[in-house]
PDB file of all heavy atoms in Angstrom:
ATOM      1  N   ILE A   1       2.388 -17.054   0.575  1.00  0.00           N
ATOM      2  CA  ILE A   1       2.840 -18.412   0.712  1.00  0.00           C
ATOM      3  C   ILE A   1       3.804 -18.770  -0.419  1.00  0.00           C
ATOM      4  O   ILE A   1       4.882 -19.331  -0.193  1.00  0.00           O
ATOM      5  CB  ILE A   1       1.663 -19.377   0.797  1.00  0.00           C
ATOM      6  CG1 ILE A   1       0.920 -19.193   2.114  1.00  0.00           C
ATOM      7  CG2 ILE A   1       2.161 -20.817   0.659  1.00  0.00           C
ATOM      8  CD1 ILE A   1      -0.445 -19.939   2.187  1.00  0.00           C
ATOM      9  N   LYS A   2       3.402 -18.467  -1.645  1.00  0.00           N
ATOM     10  CA  LYS A   2       4.238 -18.819  -2.806  1.00  0.00           C
ATOM     11  C   LYS A   2       5.571 -18.102  -2.752  1.00  0.00           C
ATOM     12  O   LYS A   2       6.608 -18.663  -3.075  1.00  0.00           O
ATOM     13  CB  LYS A   2       3.503 -18.503  -4.108  1.00  0.00           C
ATOM     14  CG  LYS A   2       2.391 -19.483  -4.416  1.00  0.00           C
ATOM     15  CD  LYS A   2       1.701 -19.102  -5.699  1.00  0.00           C
ATOM     16  CE  LYS A   2       0.524 -20.036  -5.980  1.00  0.00           C
ATOM     17  NZ  LYS A   2      -0.279 -19.608  -7.126  1.00  0.00           N
ATOM     18  N   ALA A   3       5.563 -16.809  -2.377  1.00  0.00           N
ATOM     19  CA  ALA A   3       6.809 -16.029  -2.408  1.00  0.00           C
ATOM     20  C   ALA A   3       7.716 -16.324  -1.215  1.00  0.00           C
ATOM     21  O   ALA A   3       8.935 -16.263  -1.375  1.00  0.00           O
ATOM     22  CB  ALA A   3       6.430 -14.549  -2.422  1.00  0.00           C
ATOM     23  N   ALA A   4       7.191 -16.664  -0.051  1.00  0.00           N
ATOM     24  CA  ALA A   4       8.001 -16.845   1.147  1.00  0.00           C
ATOM     25  C   ALA A   4       8.445 -18.243   1.374  1.00  0.00           C
ATOM     26  O   ALA A   4       9.356 -18.486   2.168  1.00  0.00           O
ATOM     27  CB  ALA A   4       7.216 -16.322   2.336  1.00  0.00           C
ATOM     28  N   ARG A   5       7.853 -19.215   0.722  1.00  0.00           N
ATOM     29  CA  ARG A   5       8.168 -20.633   1.002  1.00  0.00           C
ATOM     30  C   ARG A   5       9.514 -21.023   0.481  1.00  0.00           C
ATOM     31  O   ARG A   5       9.870 -20.801  -0.678  1.00  0.00           O
ATOM     32  CB  ARG A   5       7.104 -21.541   0.411  1.00  0.00           C
ATOM     33  CG  ARG A   5       7.409 -23.039   0.647  1.00  0.00           C
ATOM     34  CD  ARG A   5       6.352 -23.965   0.066  1.00  0.00           C
ATOM     35  NE  ARG A   5       5.189 -23.872   1.004  1.00  0.00           N
ATOM     36  CZ  ARG A   5       3.945 -24.127   0.633  1.00  0.00           C
ATOM     37  NH1 ARG A   5       3.676 -24.370  -0.619  1.00  0.00           N
ATOM     38  NH2 ARG A   5       2.978 -24.057   1.488  1.00  0.00           N
ATOM     39  N   THR A   6      10.349 -21.611   1.350  1.00  0.00           N
ATOM     40  CA  THR A   6      11.637 -22.240   0.976  1.00  0.00           C
ATOM     41  C   THR A   6      11.534 -23.766   1.120  1.00  0.00           C
ATOM     42  O   THR A   6      12.390 -24.450   0.619  1.00  0.00           O
ATOM     43  CB  THR A   6      12.799 -21.743   1.792  1.00  0.00           C
ATOM     44  OG1 THR A   6      12.615 -22.144   3.138  1.00  0.00           O
ATOM     45  CG2 THR A   6      12.938 -20.192   1.702  1.00  0.00           C
ATOM     46  N   GLY A   7      10.572 -24.206   1.888  1.00  0.00           N
ATOM     47  CA  GLY A   7      10.437 -25.620   2.210  1.00  0.00           C
ATOM     48  C   GLY A   7      11.266 -26.067   3.411  1.00  0.00           C
ATOM     49  O   GLY A   7      11.296 -27.223   3.758  1.00  0.00           O
ATOM     50  N   LYS A   8      11.938 -25.147   4.047  1.00  0.00           N
ATOM     51  CA  LYS A   8      12.740 -25.416   5.186  1.00  0.00           C
ATOM     52  C   LYS A   8      12.104 -24.852   6.422  1.00  0.00           C
ATOM     53  O   LYS A   8      11.318 -23.963   6.410  1.00  0.00           O
ATOM     54  CB  LYS A   8      14.155 -24.847   5.008  1.00  0.00           C
ATOM     55  CG  LYS A   8      14.856 -25.494   3.832  1.00  0.00           C
ATOM     56  CD  LYS A   8      16.267 -24.911   3.626  1.00  0.00           C
ATOM     57  CE  LYS A   8      16.900 -25.559   2.452  1.00  0.00           C
ATOM     58  NZ  LYS A   8      18.052 -24.830   1.976  1.00  0.00           N
ATOM     59  N   ILE A   9      12.544 -25.363   7.568  1.00  0.00           N
ATOM     60  CA  ILE A   9      12.015 -24.914   8.846  1.00  0.00           C
ATOM     61  C   ILE A   9      12.290 -23.416   9.007  1.00  0.00           C
ATOM     62  O   ILE A   9      13.339 -22.936   8.556  1.00  0.00           O
ATOM     63  CB  ILE A   9      12.604 -25.746  10.014  1.00  0.00           C
ATOM     64  CG1 ILE A   9      11.823 -25.490  11.292  1.00  0.00           C
ATOM     65  CG2 ILE A   9      14.067 -25.439  10.230  1.00  0.00           C
ATOM     66  CD1 ILE A   9      12.049 -26.512  12.341  1.00  0.00           C
ATOM     67  N   GLY A  10      11.329 -22.694   9.621  1.00  0.00           N
ATOM     68  CA  GLY A  10      11.545 -21.261   9.838  1.00  0.00           C
ATOM     69  C   GLY A  10      11.008 -20.364   8.727  1.00  0.00           C
ATOM     70  O   GLY A  10      11.247 -19.170   8.739  1.00  0.00           O
ATOM     71  N   ASP A  11      10.181 -20.942   7.781  1.00  0.00           N
ATOM     72  CA  ASP A  11       9.613 -20.154   6.720  1.00  0.00           C
ATOM     73  C   ASP A  11       8.675 -19.070   7.274  1.00  0.00           C
ATOM     74  O   ASP A  11       8.506 -18.045   6.643  1.00  0.00           O
ATOM     75  CB  ASP A  11       8.883 -21.000   5.735  1.00  0.00           C
ATOM     76  CG  ASP A  11       9.801 -21.607   4.665  1.00  0.00           C
ATOM     77  OD1 ASP A  11      10.969 -21.154   4.577  1.00  0.00           O
ATOM     78  OD2 ASP A  11       9.338 -22.441   3.915  1.00  0.00           O
ATOM     79  N   GLY A  12       8.040 -19.291   8.409  1.00  0.00           N
ATOM     80  CA  GLY A  12       7.242 -18.242   9.012  1.00  0.00           C
ATOM     81  C   GLY A  12       5.774 -18.636   9.174  1.00  0.00           C
ATOM     82  O   GLY A  12       5.370 -19.799   9.041  1.00  0.00           O
ATOM     83  N   LYS A  13       4.976 -17.637   9.478  1.00  0.00           N
ATOM     84  CA  LYS A  13       3.543 -17.816   9.734  1.00  0.00           C
ATOM     85  C   LYS A  13       2.772 -16.643   9.153  1.00  0.00           C
ATOM     86  O   LYS A  13       3.328 -15.564   8.961  1.00  0.00           O
ATOM     87  CB  LYS A  13       3.289 -17.853  11.251  1.00  0.00           C
ATOM     88  CG  LYS A  13       3.877 -19.024  11.996  1.00  0.00           C
ATOM     89  CD  LYS A  13       2.829 -19.854  12.617  1.00  0.00           C
ATOM     90  CE  LYS A  13       3.269 -21.022  13.412  1.00  0.00           C
ATOM     91  NZ  LYS A  13       4.638 -21.457  13.392  1.00  0.00           N
ATOM     92  N   ILE A  14       1.448 -16.875   8.935  1.00  0.00           N
ATOM     93  CA  ILE A  14       0.608 -15.853   8.468  1.00  0.00           C
ATOM     94  C   ILE A  14      -0.603 -15.775   9.353  1.00  0.00           C
ATOM     95  O   ILE A  14      -1.174 -16.837   9.699  1.00  0.00           O
ATOM     96  CB  ILE A  14       0.110 -16.070   6.972  1.00  0.00           C
ATOM     97  CG1 ILE A  14       1.293 -16.125   6.045  1.00  0.00           C
ATOM     98  CG2 ILE A  14      -0.876 -15.010   6.579  1.00  0.00           C
ATOM     99  CD1 ILE A  14       0.915 -16.534   4.665  1.00  0.00           C
ATOM    100  N   PHE A  15      -0.982 -14.598   9.862  1.00  0.00           N
ATOM    101  CA  PHE A  15      -2.157 -14.399  10.690  1.00  0.00           C
ATOM    102  C   PHE A  15      -3.114 -13.502   9.986  1.00  0.00           C
ATOM    103  O   PHE A  15      -2.715 -12.495   9.393  1.00  0.00           O
ATOM    104  CB  PHE A  15      -1.747 -13.760  12.052  1.00  0.00           C
ATOM    105  CG  PHE A  15      -0.673 -14.502  12.740  1.00  0.00           C
ATOM    106  CD1 PHE A  15       0.687 -14.144  12.606  1.00  0.00           C
ATOM    107  CD2 PHE A  15      -0.985 -15.606  13.548  1.00  0.00           C
ATOM    108  CE1 PHE A  15       1.700 -14.878  13.266  1.00  0.00           C
ATOM    109  CE2 PHE A  15       0.012 -16.322  14.226  1.00  0.00           C
ATOM    110  CZ  PHE A  15       1.322 -15.935  14.064  1.00  0.00           C
ATOM    111  N   VAL A  16      -4.418 -13.791  10.036  1.00  0.00           N
ATOM    112  CA  VAL A  16      -5.410 -12.956   9.418  1.00  0.00           C
ATOM    113  C   VAL A  16      -6.444 -12.564  10.497  1.00  0.00           C
ATOM    114  O   VAL A  16      -6.981 -13.448  11.160  1.00  0.00           O
ATOM    115  CB  VAL A  16      -6.135 -13.698   8.243  1.00  0.00           C
ATOM    116  CG1 VAL A  16      -7.199 -12.808   7.678  1.00  0.00           C
ATOM    117  CG2 VAL A  16      -5.123 -14.164   7.216  1.00  0.00           C
ATOM    118  N   ARG A  17      -6.641 -11.291  10.654  1.00  0.00           N
ATOM    119  CA  ARG A  17      -7.548 -10.761  11.646  1.00  0.00           C
ATOM    120  C   ARG A  17      -8.571  -9.816  11.044  1.00  0.00           C
ATOM    121  O   ARG A  17      -8.248  -9.141  10.085  1.00  0.00           O
ATOM    122  CB  ARG A  17      -6.771  -9.943  12.721  1.00  0.00           C
ATOM    123  CG  ARG A  17      -5.903 -10.813  13.624  1.00  0.00           C
ATOM    124  CD  ARG A  17      -5.259  -9.911  14.662  1.00  0.00           C
ATOM    125  NE  ARG A  17      -4.159  -9.200  14.054  1.00  0.00           N
ATOM    126  CZ  ARG A  17      -2.926  -9.377  14.386  1.00  0.00           C
ATOM    127  NH1 ARG A  17      -2.576 -10.235  15.296  1.00  0.00           N
ATOM    128  NH2 ARG A  17      -1.947  -8.695  13.810  1.00  0.00           N
ATOM    129  N   ALA A  18      -9.729  -9.737  11.642  1.00  0.00           N
ATOM    130  CA  ALA A  18     -10.752  -8.766  11.150  1.00  0.00           C
ATOM    131  C   ALA A  18     -10.367  -7.346  11.634  1.00  0.00           C
ATOM    132  O   ALA A  18      -9.825  -7.151  12.740  1.00  0.00           O
ATOM    133  CB  ALA A  18     -12.109  -9.137  11.794  1.00  0.00           C
ATOM    134  N   VAL A  19     -10.645  -6.372  10.777  1.00  0.00           N
ATOM    135  CA  VAL A  19     -10.384  -4.970  11.065  1.00  0.00           C
ATOM    136  C   VAL A  19     -11.776  -4.308  11.136  1.00  0.00           C
ATOM    137  O   VAL A  19     -12.541  -4.312  10.159  1.00  0.00           O
ATOM    138  CB  VAL A  19      -9.522  -4.321   9.978  1.00  0.00           C
ATOM    139  CG1 VAL A  19      -9.431  -2.833  10.240  1.00  0.00           C
ATOM    140  CG2 VAL A  19      -8.166  -4.961   9.946  1.00  0.00           C
ATOM    141  N   GLU A  20     -12.068  -3.706  12.276  1.00  0.00           N
ATOM    142  CA  GLU A  20     -13.372  -3.074  12.489  1.00  0.00           C
ATOM    143  C   GLU A  20     -13.463  -1.697  11.760  1.00  0.00           C
ATOM    144  O   GLU A  20     -14.515  -1.354  11.213  1.00  0.00           O
ATOM    145  CB  GLU A  20     -13.605  -2.908  13.950  1.00  0.00           C
ATOM    146  CG  GLU A  20     -13.829  -4.221  14.657  1.00  0.00           C
ATOM    147  CD  GLU A  20     -14.229  -4.011  16.120  1.00  0.00           C
ATOM    148  OE1 GLU A  20     -14.729  -2.995  16.466  1.00  0.00           O
ATOM    149  OE2 GLU A  20     -13.911  -4.934  16.894  1.00  0.00           O
ATOM    150  N   GLN A  21     -12.386  -0.932  11.869  1.00  0.00           N
ATOM    151  CA  GLN A  21     -12.524   0.407  11.315  1.00  0.00           C
ATOM    152  C   GLN A  21     -11.149   0.899  10.844  1.00  0.00           C
ATOM    153  O   GLN A  21     -10.100   0.610  11.475  1.00  0.00           O
ATOM    154  CB  GLN A  21     -13.014   1.381  12.386  1.00  0.00           C
ATOM    155  CG  GLN A  21     -13.318   2.758  11.925  1.00  0.00           C
ATOM    156  CD  GLN A  21     -13.948   3.633  12.970  1.00  0.00           C
ATOM    157  OE1 GLN A  21     -13.865   3.295  14.145  1.00  0.00           O
ATOM    158  NE2 GLN A  21     -14.532   4.754  12.577  1.00  0.00           N
ATOM    159  N   VAL A  22     -11.128   1.654   9.743  1.00  0.00           N
ATOM    160  CA  VAL A  22      -9.901   2.282   9.210  1.00  0.00           C
ATOM    161  C   VAL A  22     -10.225   3.747   8.968  1.00  0.00           C
ATOM    162  O   VAL A  22     -11.264   4.067   8.392  1.00  0.00           O
ATOM    163  CB  VAL A  22      -9.425   1.595   7.929  1.00  0.00           C
ATOM    164  CG1 VAL A  22      -8.212   2.305   7.382  1.00  0.00           C
ATOM    165  CG2 VAL A  22      -9.189   0.162   8.120  1.00  0.00           C
ATOM    166  N   ILE A  23      -9.334   4.610   9.392  1.00  0.00           N
ATOM    167  CA  ILE A  23      -9.495   6.067   9.163  1.00  0.00           C
ATOM    168  C   ILE A  23      -8.197   6.624   8.597  1.00  0.00           C
ATOM    169  O   ILE A  23      -7.134   6.415   9.164  1.00  0.00           O
ATOM    170  CB  ILE A  23      -9.850   6.839  10.441  1.00  0.00           C
ATOM    171  CG1 ILE A  23     -11.096   6.201  11.082  1.00  0.00           C
ATOM    172  CG2 ILE A  23     -10.015   8.300  10.196  1.00  0.00           C
ATOM    173  CD1 ILE A  23     -11.347   6.566  12.508  1.00  0.00           C
ATOM    174  N   ARG A  24      -8.253   7.318   7.460  1.00  0.00           N
ATOM    175  CA  ARG A  24      -7.074   7.960   6.894  1.00  0.00           C
ATOM    176  C   ARG A  24      -6.989   9.304   7.583  1.00  0.00           C
ATOM    177  O   ARG A  24      -7.900  10.125   7.551  1.00  0.00           O
ATOM    178  CB  ARG A  24      -7.216   8.139   5.406  1.00  0.00           C
ATOM    179  CG  ARG A  24      -5.987   8.826   4.803  1.00  0.00           C
ATOM    180  CD  ARG A  24      -5.980   8.781   3.333  1.00  0.00           C
ATOM    181  NE  ARG A  24      -5.892   7.394   2.963  1.00  0.00           N
ATOM    182  CZ  ARG A  24      -6.022   6.926   1.741  1.00  0.00           C
ATOM    183  NH1 ARG A  24      -6.327   7.761   0.769  1.00  0.00           N
ATOM    184  NH2 ARG A  24      -5.932   5.649   1.470  1.00  0.00           N
ATOM    185  N   ILE A  25      -5.906   9.526   8.269  1.00  0.00           N
ATOM    186  CA  ILE A  25      -5.710  10.728   9.060  1.00  0.00           C
ATOM    187  C   ILE A  25      -5.758  12.000   8.213  1.00  0.00           C
ATOM    188  O   ILE A  25      -6.422  12.993   8.566  1.00  0.00           O
ATOM    189  CB  ILE A  25      -4.395  10.680   9.889  1.00  0.00           C
ATOM    190  CG1 ILE A  25      -4.462   9.498  10.896  1.00  0.00           C
ATOM    191  CG2 ILE A  25      -4.080  11.991  10.554  1.00  0.00           C
ATOM    192  CD1 ILE A  25      -3.204   9.207  11.624  1.00  0.00           C
ATOM    193  N   ARG A  26      -5.059  11.995   7.066  1.00  0.00           N
ATOM    194  CA  ARG A  26      -4.913  13.159   6.270  1.00  0.00           C
ATOM    195  C   ARG A  26      -6.283  13.720   5.751  1.00  0.00           C
ATOM    196  O   ARG A  26      -6.553  14.923   5.824  1.00  0.00           O
ATOM    197  CB  ARG A  26      -4.041  12.910   5.031  1.00  0.00           C
ATOM    198  CG  ARG A  26      -3.837  14.092   4.055  1.00  0.00           C
ATOM    199  CD  ARG A  26      -2.874  13.779   2.970  1.00  0.00           C
ATOM    200  NE  ARG A  26      -3.172  12.576   2.261  1.00  0.00           N
ATOM    201  CZ  ARG A  26      -3.995  12.508   1.193  1.00  0.00           C
ATOM    202  NH1 ARG A  26      -4.646  13.573   0.754  1.00  0.00           N
ATOM    203  NH2 ARG A  26      -4.213  11.361   0.569  1.00  0.00           N
ATOM    204  N   THR A  27      -7.153  12.763   5.301  1.00  0.00           N
ATOM    205  CA  THR A  27      -8.430  13.185   4.662  1.00  0.00           C
ATOM    206  C   THR A  27      -9.635  12.980   5.462  1.00  0.00           C
ATOM    207  O   THR A  27     -10.657  13.485   5.178  1.00  0.00           O
ATOM    208  CB  THR A  27      -8.575  12.481   3.328  1.00  0.00           C
ATOM    209  OG1 THR A  27      -8.657  11.077   3.538  1.00  0.00           O
ATOM    210  CG2 THR A  27      -7.465  12.762   2.343  1.00  0.00           C
ATOM    211  N   GLY A  28      -9.544  12.101   6.469  1.00  0.00           N
ATOM    212  CA  GLY A  28     -10.671  11.696   7.256  1.00  0.00           C
ATOM    213  C   GLY A  28     -11.533  10.611   6.649  1.00  0.00           C
ATOM    214  O   GLY A  28     -12.561  10.306   7.213  1.00  0.00           O
ATOM    215  N   GLU A  29     -11.082  10.079   5.531  1.00  0.00           N
ATOM    216  CA  GLU A  29     -11.839   9.018   4.865  1.00  0.00           C
ATOM    217  C   GLU A  29     -11.875   7.829   5.818  1.00  0.00           C
ATOM    218  O   GLU A  29     -10.945   7.574   6.592  1.00  0.00           O
ATOM    219  CB  GLU A  29     -11.140   8.577   3.599  1.00  0.00           C
ATOM    220  CG  GLU A  29     -11.154   9.605   2.479  1.00  0.00           C
ATOM    221  CD  GLU A  29     -10.300   9.177   1.348  1.00  0.00           C
ATOM    222  OE1 GLU A  29      -9.098   8.956   1.565  1.00  0.00           O
ATOM    223  OE2 GLU A  29     -10.814   9.114   0.216  1.00  0.00           O
ATOM    224  N   THR A  30     -12.971   7.051   5.725  1.00  0.00           N
ATOM    225  CA  THR A  30     -13.154   5.873   6.593  1.00  0.00           C
ATOM    226  C   THR A  30     -13.477   4.674   5.733  1.00  0.00           C
ATOM    227  O   THR A  30     -13.858   4.810   4.584  1.00  0.00           O
ATOM    228  CB  THR A  30     -14.240   6.067   7.656  1.00  0.00           C
ATOM    229  OG1 THR A  30     -15.480   6.307   6.966  1.00  0.00           O
ATOM    230  CG2 THR A  30     -13.919   7.213   8.578  1.00  0.00           C
ATOM    231  N   GLY A  31     -13.315   3.493   6.368  1.00  0.00           N
ATOM    232  CA  GLY A  31     -13.681   2.259   5.666  1.00  0.00           C
ATOM    233  C   GLY A  31     -12.792   1.910   4.510  1.00  0.00           C
ATOM    234  O   GLY A  31     -11.588   2.177   4.544  1.00  0.00           O
ATOM    235  N   ALA A  32     -13.325   1.269   3.477  1.00  0.00           N
ATOM    236  CA  ALA A  32     -12.551   0.800   2.317  1.00  0.00           C
ATOM    237  C   ALA A  32     -11.846   1.938   1.569  1.00  0.00           C
ATOM    238  O   ALA A  32     -10.736   1.715   1.027  1.00  0.00           O
ATOM    239  CB  ALA A  32     -13.426   0.076   1.364  1.00  0.00           C
ATOM    240  N   GLU A  33     -12.398   3.130   1.576  1.00  0.00           N
ATOM    241  CA  GLU A  33     -11.745   4.265   0.891  1.00  0.00           C
ATOM    242  C   GLU A  33     -10.434   4.672   1.603  1.00  0.00           C
ATOM    243  O   GLU A  33      -9.536   5.227   0.979  1.00  0.00           O
ATOM    244  CB  GLU A  33     -12.654   5.511   0.885  1.00  0.00           C
ATOM    245  CG  GLU A  33     -13.899   5.347   0.048  1.00  0.00           C
ATOM    246  CD  GLU A  33     -15.038   4.685   0.850  1.00  0.00           C
ATOM    247  OE1 GLU A  33     -15.124   4.910   2.084  1.00  0.00           O
ATOM    248  OE2 GLU A  33     -15.791   3.870   0.300  1.00  0.00           O
ATOM    249  N   ALA A  34     -10.319   4.388   2.876  1.00  0.00           N
ATOM    250  CA  ALA A  34      -9.126   4.718   3.649  1.00  0.00           C
ATOM    251  C   ALA A  34      -7.974   3.748   3.459  1.00  0.00           C
ATOM    252  O   ALA A  34      -6.849   4.046   3.759  1.00  0.00           O
ATOM    253  CB  ALA A  34      -9.440   4.851   5.156  1.00  0.00           C
ATOM    254  N   VAL A  35      -8.307   2.569   2.945  1.00  0.00           N
ATOM    255  CA  VAL A  35      -7.254   1.570   2.724  1.00  0.00           C
ATOM    256  C   VAL A  35      -6.498   1.912   1.463  1.00  0.00           C
ATOM    257  O   VAL A  35      -5.424   1.979   1.299  1.00  0.00           O
ATOM    258  CB  VAL A  35      -7.827   0.139   2.648  1.00  0.00           C
ATOM    259  CG1 VAL A  35      -6.744  -0.872   2.320  1.00  0.00           C
ATOM    260  CG2 VAL A  35      -8.539  -0.208   3.933  1.00  0.00           C
TER     261      VAL A  35
END
């Protein structure tokens, strides 16, 4: 918000969604370690 705001129309939107699972393809790590 601080970096993207210009105060003019068209500044944009932010969406936050839950992530159920993350898997790193190279190592097979899952969850927080894969992020």
